[in-house]
């Protein structure tokens, strides 16, 4: 079985966020245990599995995402990686439709060579700071929001970009907080750098201590920063060691995420259990 590794939300190899992509030719998915074992073997933040759907369905492909530990409801970078693989293989038209746990997501190539994903906008609900959050992050927290069931994270705003970049959180303490993970964000020091806000994502509870570039998090970051900055089209920079850039466009109940992708590995899975 063919398996590819794609660096998403970057235009150069060994940057952005790597996702493994497995295209299944038969209808339906193998047992969940098999999918989870393959994701654990790849040991990337996400492994995507997709199979084609019959003509006349509401989507072209069924798509699921697994971390090394669990299945998740929404993953942007692995969706981008899957769309990139399908377009590179000549198996996609002008728009791809994926049936997922978060409804139907679409992906379309842009004139500049990037891919644009159409995802549900995360509903933001202000929260009182959970006990232990500031201590776990090692910094003062300004605001906290719940990001709804699809994303399932805490969205945390801190003072400035330097604070985001310097974070060295207590992963064990973060893993004890509710939800999938913690998104930490601040406004950019200077938009002349080419981005409007910065973020990092920590998900030790789902087997991802720090995710390099998190597309799903940007469905929550987009409405937060659109309200703060008064613009619906923004650029986010995820300040992980690998770094990545996500362009966001808030469209009410939907958010568009745009970015590039590069295939860095193309091989064969020799055992399927």
C-alpha atoms as a PDB file:
ATOM      1  CA  UNK A   1       0.000   0.000   0.000  1.00  0.00           C
ATOM      2  CA  UNK A   2       1.402   3.361  -1.011  1.00  0.00           C
ATOM      3  CA  UNK A   3       2.097   5.905   1.735  1.00  0.00           C
ATOM      4  CA  UNK A   4       3.381   9.436   1.287  1.00  0.00           C
ATOM      5  CA  UNK A   5       4.703  12.053   3.680  1.00  0.00           C
ATOM      6  CA  UNK A   6       3.828  15.632   2.776  1.00  0.00           C
ATOM      7  CA  UNK A   7       5.095  18.805   4.454  1.00  0.00           C
ATOM      8  CA  UNK A   8       2.050  21.085   4.666  1.00  0.00           C
ATOM      9  CA  UNK A   9       1.755  24.849   5.050  1.00  0.00           C
ATOM     10  CA  UNK A  10       5.222  25.380   3.615  1.00  0.00           C
ATOM     11  CA  UNK A  11       6.769  25.726   0.161  1.00  0.00           C
ATOM     12  CA  UNK A  12      10.033  24.018   1.103  1.00  0.00           C
ATOM     13  CA  UNK A  13      10.856  20.509   2.329  1.00  0.00           C
ATOM     14  CA  UNK A  14      11.593  19.772   5.994  1.00  0.00           C
ATOM     15  CA  UNK A  15       9.508  22.724   7.183  1.00  0.00           C
ATOM     16  CA  UNK A  16       5.800  23.116   7.898  1.00  0.00           C
ATOM     17  CA  UNK A  17       3.920  20.135   9.303  1.00  0.00           C
ATOM     18  CA  UNK A  18       4.515  16.609   7.959  1.00  0.00           C
ATOM     19  CA  UNK A  19       1.483  14.374   7.486  1.00  0.00           C
ATOM     20  CA  UNK A  20       1.362  10.804   6.217  1.00  0.00           C
ATOM     21  CA  UNK A  21      -1.273  10.133   3.554  1.00  0.00           C
ATOM     22  CA  UNK A  22      -2.681   6.688   2.696  1.00  0.00           C
ATOM     23  CA  UNK A  23      -5.121   6.426  -0.225  1.00  0.00           C
ATOM     24  CA  UNK A  24      -7.285   3.304   0.044  1.00  0.00           C
ATOM     25  CA  UNK A  25      -8.764   1.915  -3.154  1.00  0.00           C
ATOM     26  CA  UNK A  26     -11.508  -0.232  -1.621  1.00  0.00           C
ATOM     27  CA  UNK A  27     -14.780   1.169  -0.331  1.00  0.00           C
ATOM     28  CA  UNK A  28     -14.805   1.638   3.422  1.00  0.00           C
ATOM     29  CA  UNK A  29     -12.057   1.822   6.014  1.00  0.00           C
ATOM     30  CA  UNK A  30     -10.189  -1.078   7.647  1.00  0.00           C
ATOM     31  CA  UNK A  31     -10.788  -1.610  11.385  1.00  0.00           C
ATOM     32  CA  UNK A  32      -9.880   1.372  13.540  1.00  0.00           C
ATOM     33  CA  UNK A  33      -7.186  -0.610  15.349  1.00  0.00           C
ATOM     34  CA  UNK A  34      -5.272  -1.047  12.088  1.00  0.00           C
ATOM     35  CA  UNK A  35      -5.514   2.632  11.229  1.00  0.00           C
ATOM     36  CA  UNK A  36      -4.315   3.596  14.696  1.00  0.00           C
ATOM     37  CA  UNK A  37      -1.379   1.190  14.512  1.00  0.00           C
ATOM     38  CA  UNK A  38      -0.222   2.672  11.208  1.00  0.00           C
ATOM     39  CA  UNK A  39      -0.518   6.188  12.645  1.00  0.00           C
ATOM     40  CA  UNK A  40       1.513   5.092  15.651  1.00  0.00           C
ATOM     41  CA  UNK A  41       4.177   3.614  13.373  1.00  0.00           C
ATOM     42  CA  UNK A  42       4.424   6.843  11.359  1.00  0.00           C
ATOM     43  CA  UNK A  43       4.597   8.807  14.644  1.00  0.00           C
ATOM     44  CA  UNK A  44       3.667  12.098  12.974  1.00  0.00           C
ATOM     45  CA  UNK A  45       1.133  14.506  14.407  1.00  0.00           C
ATOM     46  CA  UNK A  46      -1.418  13.155  11.893  1.00  0.00           C
ATOM     47  CA  UNK A  47      -1.807  10.292   9.441  1.00  0.00           C
ATOM     48  CA  UNK A  48      -4.656  10.709   6.945  1.00  0.00           C
ATOM     49  CA  UNK A  49      -6.605   7.806   5.441  1.00  0.00           C
ATOM     50  CA  UNK A  50      -8.948   8.376   2.499  1.00  0.00           C
ATOM     51  CA  UNK A  51     -11.019   6.208   0.176  1.00  0.00           C
ATOM     52  CA  UNK A  52     -13.051   7.216  -2.904  1.00  0.00           C
ATOM     53  CA  UNK A  53     -16.826   7.502  -2.711  1.00  0.00           C
ATOM     54  CA  UNK A  54     -19.286   6.493  -5.456  1.00  0.00           C
ATOM     55  CA  UNK A  55     -20.534   9.109  -7.916  1.00  0.00           C
ATOM     56  CA  UNK A  56     -23.574  10.982  -6.718  1.00  0.00           C
ATOM     57  CA  UNK A  57     -22.471  11.155  -3.075  1.00  0.00           C
ATOM     58  CA  UNK A  58     -22.106  14.451  -1.207  1.00  0.00           C
ATOM     59  CA  UNK A  59     -18.307  14.156  -1.403  1.00  0.00           C
ATOM     60  CA  UNK A  60     -15.572  12.604  -3.548  1.00  0.00           C
ATOM     61  CA  UNK A  61     -13.513  10.994  -0.775  1.00  0.00           C
ATOM     62  CA  UNK A  62     -14.083   9.855   2.800  1.00  0.00           C
ATOM     63  CA  UNK A  63     -11.271  11.160   5.019  1.00  0.00           C
ATOM     64  CA  UNK A  64     -10.146  10.375   8.574  1.00  0.00           C
ATOM     65  CA  UNK A  65      -7.206  11.609  10.661  1.00  0.00           C
ATOM     66  CA  UNK A  66      -5.259   9.862  13.437  1.00  0.00           C
ATOM     67  CA  UNK A  67      -2.559  11.129  15.764  1.00  0.00           C
ATOM     68  CA  UNK A  68      -0.175   8.488  17.176  1.00  0.00           C
ATOM     69  CA  UNK A  69      -2.703   8.058  20.020  1.00  0.00           C
ATOM     70  CA  UNK A  70      -6.270   8.964  18.905  1.00  0.00           C
ATOM     71  CA  UNK A  71      -8.579   9.839  16.035  1.00  0.00           C
ATOM     72  CA  UNK A  72      -9.440  13.557  15.796  1.00  0.00           C
ATOM     73  CA  UNK A  73     -12.478  15.450  14.509  1.00  0.00           C
ATOM     74  CA  UNK A  74     -10.675  18.000  12.351  1.00  0.00           C
ATOM     75  CA  UNK A  75      -7.175  18.343  10.916  1.00  0.00           C
ATOM     76  CA  UNK A  76      -6.231  21.062   8.466  1.00  0.00           C
ATOM     77  CA  UNK A  77      -2.662  20.173   7.555  1.00  0.00           C
ATOM     78  CA  UNK A  78      -3.416  16.505   6.816  1.00  0.00           C
ATOM     79  CA  UNK A  79      -6.387  17.579   4.663  1.00  0.00           C
ATOM     80  CA  UNK A  80      -4.091  19.915   2.749  1.00  0.00           C
ATOM     81  CA  UNK A  81      -1.569  17.068   2.405  1.00  0.00           C
ATOM     82  CA  UNK A  82      -4.258  14.681   1.091  1.00  0.00           C
ATOM     83  CA  UNK A  83      -5.503  17.241  -1.437  1.00  0.00           C
ATOM     84  CA  UNK A  84      -1.916  17.853  -2.551  1.00  0.00           C
ATOM     85  CA  UNK A  85      -1.357  14.110  -3.105  1.00  0.00           C
ATOM     86  CA  UNK A  86      -4.587  13.728  -5.091  1.00  0.00           C
ATOM     87  CA  UNK A  87      -3.852  16.736  -7.299  1.00  0.00           C
ATOM     88  CA  UNK A  88      -0.249  15.630  -7.830  1.00  0.00           C
ATOM     89  CA  UNK A  89      -1.494  12.179  -8.878  1.00  0.00           C
ATOM     90  CA  UNK A  90      -4.037  13.617 -11.318  1.00  0.00           C
ATOM     91  CA  UNK A  91      -6.944  12.260  -9.301  1.00  0.00           C
ATOM     92  CA  UNK A  92      -8.731  15.544  -8.605  1.00  0.00           C
ATOM     93  CA  UNK A  93     -10.703  18.083 -10.568  1.00  0.00           C
ATOM     94  CA  UNK A  94     -10.989  21.772  -9.830  1.00  0.00           C
ATOM     95  CA  UNK A  95     -12.429  21.092  -6.365  1.00  0.00           C
ATOM     96  CA  UNK A  96     -12.150  18.147  -3.990  1.00  0.00           C
ATOM     97  CA  UNK A  97     -14.852  17.311  -1.461  1.00  0.00           C
ATOM     98  CA  UNK A  98     -13.981  15.293   1.652  1.00  0.00           C
ATOM     99  CA  UNK A  99     -16.552  13.643   3.918  1.00  0.00           C
ATOM    100  CA  UNK A 100     -15.220  13.914   7.479  1.00  0.00           C
ATOM    101  CA  UNK A 101     -16.271  13.931  11.114  1.00  0.00           C
ATOM    102  CA  UNK A 102     -16.586  17.720  10.759  1.00  0.00           C
ATOM    103  CA  UNK A 103     -18.874  17.573   7.729  1.00  0.00           C
ATOM    104  CA  UNK A 104     -17.873  18.061   4.106  1.00  0.00           C
ATOM    105  CA  UNK A 105     -14.614  19.968   3.643  1.00  0.00           C
ATOM    106  CA  UNK A 106     -13.507  21.225   0.236  1.00  0.00           C
ATOM    107  CA  UNK A 107     -10.057  21.847  -1.225  1.00  0.00           C
ATOM    108  CA  UNK A 108      -9.278  23.793  -4.385  1.00  0.00           C
ATOM    109  CA  UNK A 109      -5.990  24.789  -6.053  1.00  0.00           C
ATOM    110  CA  UNK A 110      -5.259  28.515  -6.151  1.00  0.00           C
ATOM    111  CA  UNK A 111      -3.600  30.365  -9.061  1.00  0.00           C
ATOM    112  CA  UNK A 112      -0.409  30.833  -7.011  1.00  0.00           C
ATOM    113  CA  UNK A 113       0.026  27.076  -6.632  1.00  0.00           C
ATOM    114  CA  UNK A 114      -1.247  26.873  -3.057  1.00  0.00           C
ATOM    115  CA  UNK A 115      -4.325  24.962  -1.935  1.00  0.00           C
ATOM    116  CA  UNK A 116      -7.358  26.536  -0.242  1.00  0.00           C
ATOM    117  CA  UNK A 117      -9.402  24.538   2.256  1.00  0.00           C
ATOM    118  CA  UNK A 118     -12.965  25.427   3.222  1.00  0.00           C
ATOM    119  CA  UNK A 119     -13.579  24.491   6.876  1.00  0.00           C
ATOM    120  CA  UNK A 120     -16.172  25.257   9.557  1.00  0.00           C
ATOM    121  CA  UNK A 121     -15.336  28.318  11.639  1.00  0.00           C
ATOM    122  CA  UNK A 122     -14.739  27.375  15.257  1.00  0.00           C
ATOM    123  CA  UNK A 123     -17.295  28.934  17.639  1.00  0.00           C
ATOM    124  CA  UNK A 124     -15.436  30.862  20.350  1.00  0.00           C
ATOM    125  CA  UNK A 125     -16.802  30.962  23.895  1.00  0.00           C
ATOM    126  CA  UNK A 126     -14.971  33.077  26.528  1.00  0.00           C
ATOM    127  CA  UNK A 127     -13.897  31.082  29.589  1.00  0.00           C
ATOM    128  CA  UNK A 128     -12.576  31.816  33.033  1.00  0.00           C
ATOM    129  CA  UNK A 129      -8.934  30.755  33.106  1.00  0.00           C
ATOM    130  CA  UNK A 130      -8.789  27.075  34.157  1.00  0.00           C
ATOM    131  CA  UNK A 131      -6.815  26.394  37.351  1.00  0.00           C
ATOM    132  CA  UNK A 132      -3.192  25.647  36.615  1.00  0.00           C
ATOM    133  CA  UNK A 133      -3.147  26.974  33.039  1.00  0.00           C
ATOM    134  CA  UNK A 134      -0.774  29.903  33.618  1.00  0.00           C
ATOM    135  CA  UNK A 135       1.538  27.728  35.690  1.00  0.00           C
ATOM    136  CA  UNK A 136       1.566  25.012  33.012  1.00  0.00           C
ATOM    137  CA  UNK A 137       2.423  27.526  30.291  1.00  0.00           C
ATOM    138  CA  UNK A 138       4.847  29.486  32.439  1.00  0.00           C
ATOM    139  CA  UNK A 139       3.389  32.889  31.511  1.00  0.00           C
ATOM    140  CA  UNK A 140       0.514  35.247  32.243  1.00  0.00           C
ATOM    141  CA  UNK A 141      -2.713  34.574  30.345  1.00  0.00           C
ATOM    142  CA  UNK A 142      -4.831  37.434  28.950  1.00  0.00           C
ATOM    143  CA  UNK A 143      -7.904  35.616  27.615  1.00  0.00           C
ATOM    144  CA  UNK A 144      -9.112  32.034  27.226  1.00  0.00           C
ATOM    145  CA  UNK A 145     -11.724  30.722  24.786  1.00  0.00           C
ATOM    146  CA  UNK A 146     -13.314  27.351  24.180  1.00  0.00           C
ATOM    147  CA  UNK A 147     -13.163  26.456  20.470  1.00  0.00           C
ATOM    148  CA  UNK A 148     -16.170  24.135  20.174  1.00  0.00           C
ATOM    149  CA  UNK A 149     -16.509  20.400  19.553  1.00  0.00           C
ATOM    150  CA  UNK A 150     -14.740  20.096  16.187  1.00  0.00           C
ATOM    151  CA  UNK A 151     -11.484  21.733  17.265  1.00  0.00           C
ATOM    152  CA  UNK A 152     -11.765  20.953  20.979  1.00  0.00           C
ATOM    153  CA  UNK A 153      -8.900  23.162  22.185  1.00  0.00           C
ATOM    154  CA  UNK A 154      -8.345  25.971  24.640  1.00  0.00           C
ATOM    155  CA  UNK A 155      -7.418  29.147  22.740  1.00  0.00           C
ATOM    156  CA  UNK A 156      -5.139  31.250  24.958  1.00  0.00           C
ATOM    157  CA  UNK A 157      -4.075  34.834  24.241  1.00  0.00           C
ATOM    158  CA  UNK A 158      -0.836  36.080  25.819  1.00  0.00           C
ATOM    159  CA  UNK A 159       0.924  39.438  25.921  1.00  0.00           C
ATOM    160  CA  UNK A 160       3.163  39.425  22.869  1.00  0.00           C
ATOM    161  CA  UNK A 161       4.978  37.511  20.169  1.00  0.00           C
ATOM    162  CA  UNK A 162       8.112  37.102  22.277  1.00  0.00           C
ATOM    163  CA  UNK A 163       6.078  35.314  24.951  1.00  0.00           C
ATOM    164  CA  UNK A 164       4.685  32.870  22.383  1.00  0.00           C
ATOM    165  CA  UNK A 165       8.114  32.134  20.950  1.00  0.00           C
ATOM    166  CA  UNK A 166       9.738  31.625  24.368  1.00  0.00           C
ATOM    167  CA  UNK A 167       7.175  29.155  25.738  1.00  0.00           C
ATOM    168  CA  UNK A 168       8.553  25.971  27.309  1.00  0.00           C
ATOM    169  CA  UNK A 169       5.407  24.547  28.911  1.00  0.00           C
ATOM    170  CA  UNK A 170       5.013  21.758  31.427  1.00  0.00           C
ATOM    171  CA  UNK A 171       3.631  19.070  29.115  1.00  0.00           C
ATOM    172  CA  UNK A 172       2.429  16.804  31.896  1.00  0.00           C
ATOM    173  CA  UNK A 173       0.421  19.679  33.386  1.00  0.00           C
ATOM    174  CA  UNK A 174      -1.021  20.636  29.983  1.00  0.00           C
ATOM    175  CA  UNK A 175      -2.077  17.027  29.390  1.00  0.00           C
ATOM    176  CA  UNK A 176      -4.247  17.200  32.515  1.00  0.00           C
ATOM    177  CA  UNK A 177      -6.306  20.084  31.114  1.00  0.00           C
ATOM    178  CA  UNK A 178      -9.535  19.245  29.319  1.00  0.00           C
ATOM    179  CA  UNK A 179      -9.795  19.023  25.553  1.00  0.00           C
ATOM    180  CA  UNK A 180      -7.482  18.129  22.693  1.00  0.00           C
ATOM    181  CA  UNK A 181      -4.815  20.752  23.317  1.00  0.00           C
ATOM    182  CA  UNK A 182      -3.868  24.382  23.883  1.00  0.00           C
ATOM    183  CA  UNK A 183      -3.431  27.047  21.208  1.00  0.00           C
ATOM    184  CA  UNK A 184      -1.329  30.002  22.395  1.00  0.00           C
ATOM    185  CA  UNK A 185      -1.375  33.213  20.364  1.00  0.00           C
ATOM    186  CA  UNK A 186      -0.442  36.890  20.238  1.00  0.00           C
ATOM    187  CA  UNK A 187      -0.402  39.703  17.699  1.00  0.00           C
ATOM    188  CA  UNK A 188       2.650  40.009  15.468  1.00  0.00           C
ATOM    189  CA  UNK A 189       5.319  42.493  16.529  1.00  0.00           C
ATOM    190  CA  UNK A 190       5.420  43.987  13.052  1.00  0.00           C
ATOM    191  CA  UNK A 191       3.149  43.085  10.137  1.00  0.00           C
ATOM    192  CA  UNK A 192       5.982  44.043   7.790  1.00  0.00           C
ATOM    193  CA  UNK A 193       7.330  40.569   8.621  1.00  0.00           C
ATOM    194  CA  UNK A 194       4.501  39.203   6.468  1.00  0.00           C
ATOM    195  CA  UNK A 195       2.096  37.889   9.117  1.00  0.00           C
ATOM    196  CA  UNK A 196      -0.566  39.346  11.423  1.00  0.00           C
ATOM    197  CA  UNK A 197      -0.476  36.973  14.398  1.00  0.00           C
ATOM    198  CA  UNK A 198       1.651  34.157  15.785  1.00  0.00           C
ATOM    199  CA  UNK A 199       0.694  30.929  17.490  1.00  0.00           C
ATOM    200  CA  UNK A 200       1.936  27.629  18.856  1.00  0.00           C
ATOM    201  CA  UNK A 201      -0.029  24.460  19.582  1.00  0.00           C
ATOM    202  CA  UNK A 202       0.512  21.905  22.328  1.00  0.00           C
ATOM    203  CA  UNK A 203      -1.405  18.597  22.424  1.00  0.00           C
ATOM    204  CA  UNK A 204       0.325  16.183  24.803  1.00  0.00           C
ATOM    205  CA  UNK A 205      -3.023  14.630  25.757  1.00  0.00           C
ATOM    206  CA  UNK A 206      -3.404  13.289  22.185  1.00  0.00           C
ATOM    207  CA  UNK A 207       0.217  12.250  21.688  1.00  0.00           C
ATOM    208  CA  UNK A 208       1.425  15.500  20.069  1.00  0.00           C
ATOM    209  CA  UNK A 209       3.594  17.496  22.515  1.00  0.00           C
ATOM    210  CA  UNK A 210       3.976  20.358  20.010  1.00  0.00           C
ATOM    211  CA  UNK A 211       2.375  20.384  16.574  1.00  0.00           C
ATOM    212  CA  UNK A 212       4.506  22.206  13.969  1.00  0.00           C
ATOM    213  CA  UNK A 213       1.622  23.880  12.066  1.00  0.00           C
ATOM    214  CA  UNK A 214      -2.016  23.344  13.029  1.00  0.00           C
ATOM    215  CA  UNK A 215      -4.599  24.097  10.346  1.00  0.00           C
ATOM    216  CA  UNK A 216      -7.603  23.334  12.555  1.00  0.00           C
ATOM    217  CA  UNK A 217      -6.360  25.804  15.176  1.00  0.00           C
ATOM    218  CA  UNK A 218      -6.538  28.539  12.549  1.00  0.00           C
ATOM    219  CA  UNK A 219     -10.300  28.056  12.233  1.00  0.00           C
ATOM    220  CA  UNK A 220     -10.361  29.484  15.777  1.00  0.00           C
ATOM    221  CA  UNK A 221      -7.494  31.944  15.346  1.00  0.00           C
ATOM    222  CA  UNK A 222      -9.167  33.483  12.284  1.00  0.00           C
ATOM    223  CA  UNK A 223     -12.322  34.745  14.081  1.00  0.00           C
ATOM    224  CA  UNK A 224     -10.324  35.844  17.141  1.00  0.00           C
ATOM    225  CA  UNK A 225      -7.892  37.998  15.159  1.00  0.00           C
ATOM    226  CA  UNK A 226     -10.460  39.189  12.633  1.00  0.00           C
ATOM    227  CA  UNK A 227     -12.354  40.708  15.567  1.00  0.00           C
ATOM    228  CA  UNK A 228      -9.168  42.137  17.106  1.00  0.00           C
ATOM    229  CA  UNK A 229      -7.695  43.571  13.895  1.00  0.00           C
ATOM    230  CA  UNK A 230     -10.842  44.465  11.954  1.00  0.00           C
ATOM    231  CA  UNK A 231      -9.942  42.451   8.831  1.00  0.00           C
ATOM    232  CA  UNK A 232     -11.313  39.145   7.577  1.00  0.00           C
ATOM    233  CA  UNK A 233      -8.225  38.123   5.573  1.00  0.00           C
ATOM    234  CA  UNK A 234      -5.111  37.551   7.652  1.00  0.00           C
ATOM    235  CA  UNK A 235      -1.871  35.596   7.703  1.00  0.00           C
ATOM    236  CA  UNK A 236      -0.821  33.461  10.649  1.00  0.00           C
ATOM    237  CA  UNK A 237       2.711  32.332  11.474  1.00  0.00           C
ATOM    238  CA  UNK A 238       3.107  29.232  13.636  1.00  0.00           C
ATOM    239  CA  UNK A 239       6.340  29.703  15.566  1.00  0.00           C
ATOM    240  CA  UNK A 240       7.343  26.061  16.069  1.00  0.00           C
ATOM    241  CA  UNK A 241      10.870  24.876  15.337  1.00  0.00           C
ATOM    242  CA  UNK A 242       9.800  23.941  11.776  1.00  0.00           C
ATOM    243  CA  UNK A 243       7.592  27.047  11.311  1.00  0.00           C
ATOM    244  CA  UNK A 244       4.730  27.420   8.860  1.00  0.00           C
ATOM    245  CA  UNK A 245       2.426  30.012   7.311  1.00  0.00           C
ATOM    246  CA  UNK A 246      -1.374  29.791   7.062  1.00  0.00           C
ATOM    247  CA  UNK A 247      -3.413  32.394   5.209  1.00  0.00           C
ATOM    248  CA  UNK A 248      -6.919  32.710   6.663  1.00  0.00           C
ATOM    249  CA  UNK A 249     -10.111  34.235   5.277  1.00  0.00           C
ATOM    250  CA  UNK A 250     -13.117  34.450   7.588  1.00  0.00           C
ATOM    251  CA  UNK A 251     -16.388  33.829   5.680  1.00  0.00           C
ATOM    252  CA  UNK A 252     -18.927  33.800   8.485  1.00  0.00           C
ATOM    253  CA  UNK A 253     -19.657  30.192   9.431  1.00  0.00           C
ATOM    254  CA  UNK A 254     -16.804  28.999   7.215  1.00  0.00           C
ATOM    255  CA  UNK A 255     -13.084  29.770   7.254  1.00  0.00           C
ATOM    256  CA  UNK A 256     -10.732  29.373   4.300  1.00  0.00           C
ATOM    257  CA  UNK A 257      -7.198  28.179   5.030  1.00  0.00           C
ATOM    258  CA  UNK A 258      -4.579  28.505   2.289  1.00  0.00           C
ATOM    259  CA  UNK A 259      -1.050  27.177   2.077  1.00  0.00           C
ATOM    260  CA  UNK A 260       1.515  25.290   0.069  1.00  0.00           C
ATOM    261  CA  UNK A 261       2.648  21.674   0.406  1.00  0.00           C
ATOM    262  CA  UNK A 262       5.650  19.557  -0.636  1.00  0.00           C
ATOM    263  CA  UNK A 263       5.877  15.758  -0.924  1.00  0.00           C
ATOM    264  CA  UNK A 264       9.094  14.570   0.755  1.00  0.00           C
ATOM    265  CA  UNK A 265       8.619  10.783   0.895  1.00  0.00           C
ATOM    266  CA  UNK A 266       6.816   8.282  -1.334  1.00  0.00           C
ATOM    267  CA  UNK A 267       6.996   4.640  -0.299  1.00  0.00           C
ATOM    268  CA  UNK A 268       5.082   1.417   0.306  1.00  0.00           C
ATOM    269  CA  UNK A 269       3.537   0.064   3.450  1.00  0.00           C
ATOM    270  CA  UNK A 270       4.655  -3.594   3.440  1.00  0.00           C
ATOM    271  CA  UNK A 271       2.338  -4.908   6.126  1.00  0.00           C
ATOM    272  CA  UNK A 272      -1.319  -4.169   6.868  1.00  0.00           C
ATOM    273  CA  UNK A 273      -1.597  -6.504   9.883  1.00  0.00           C
END
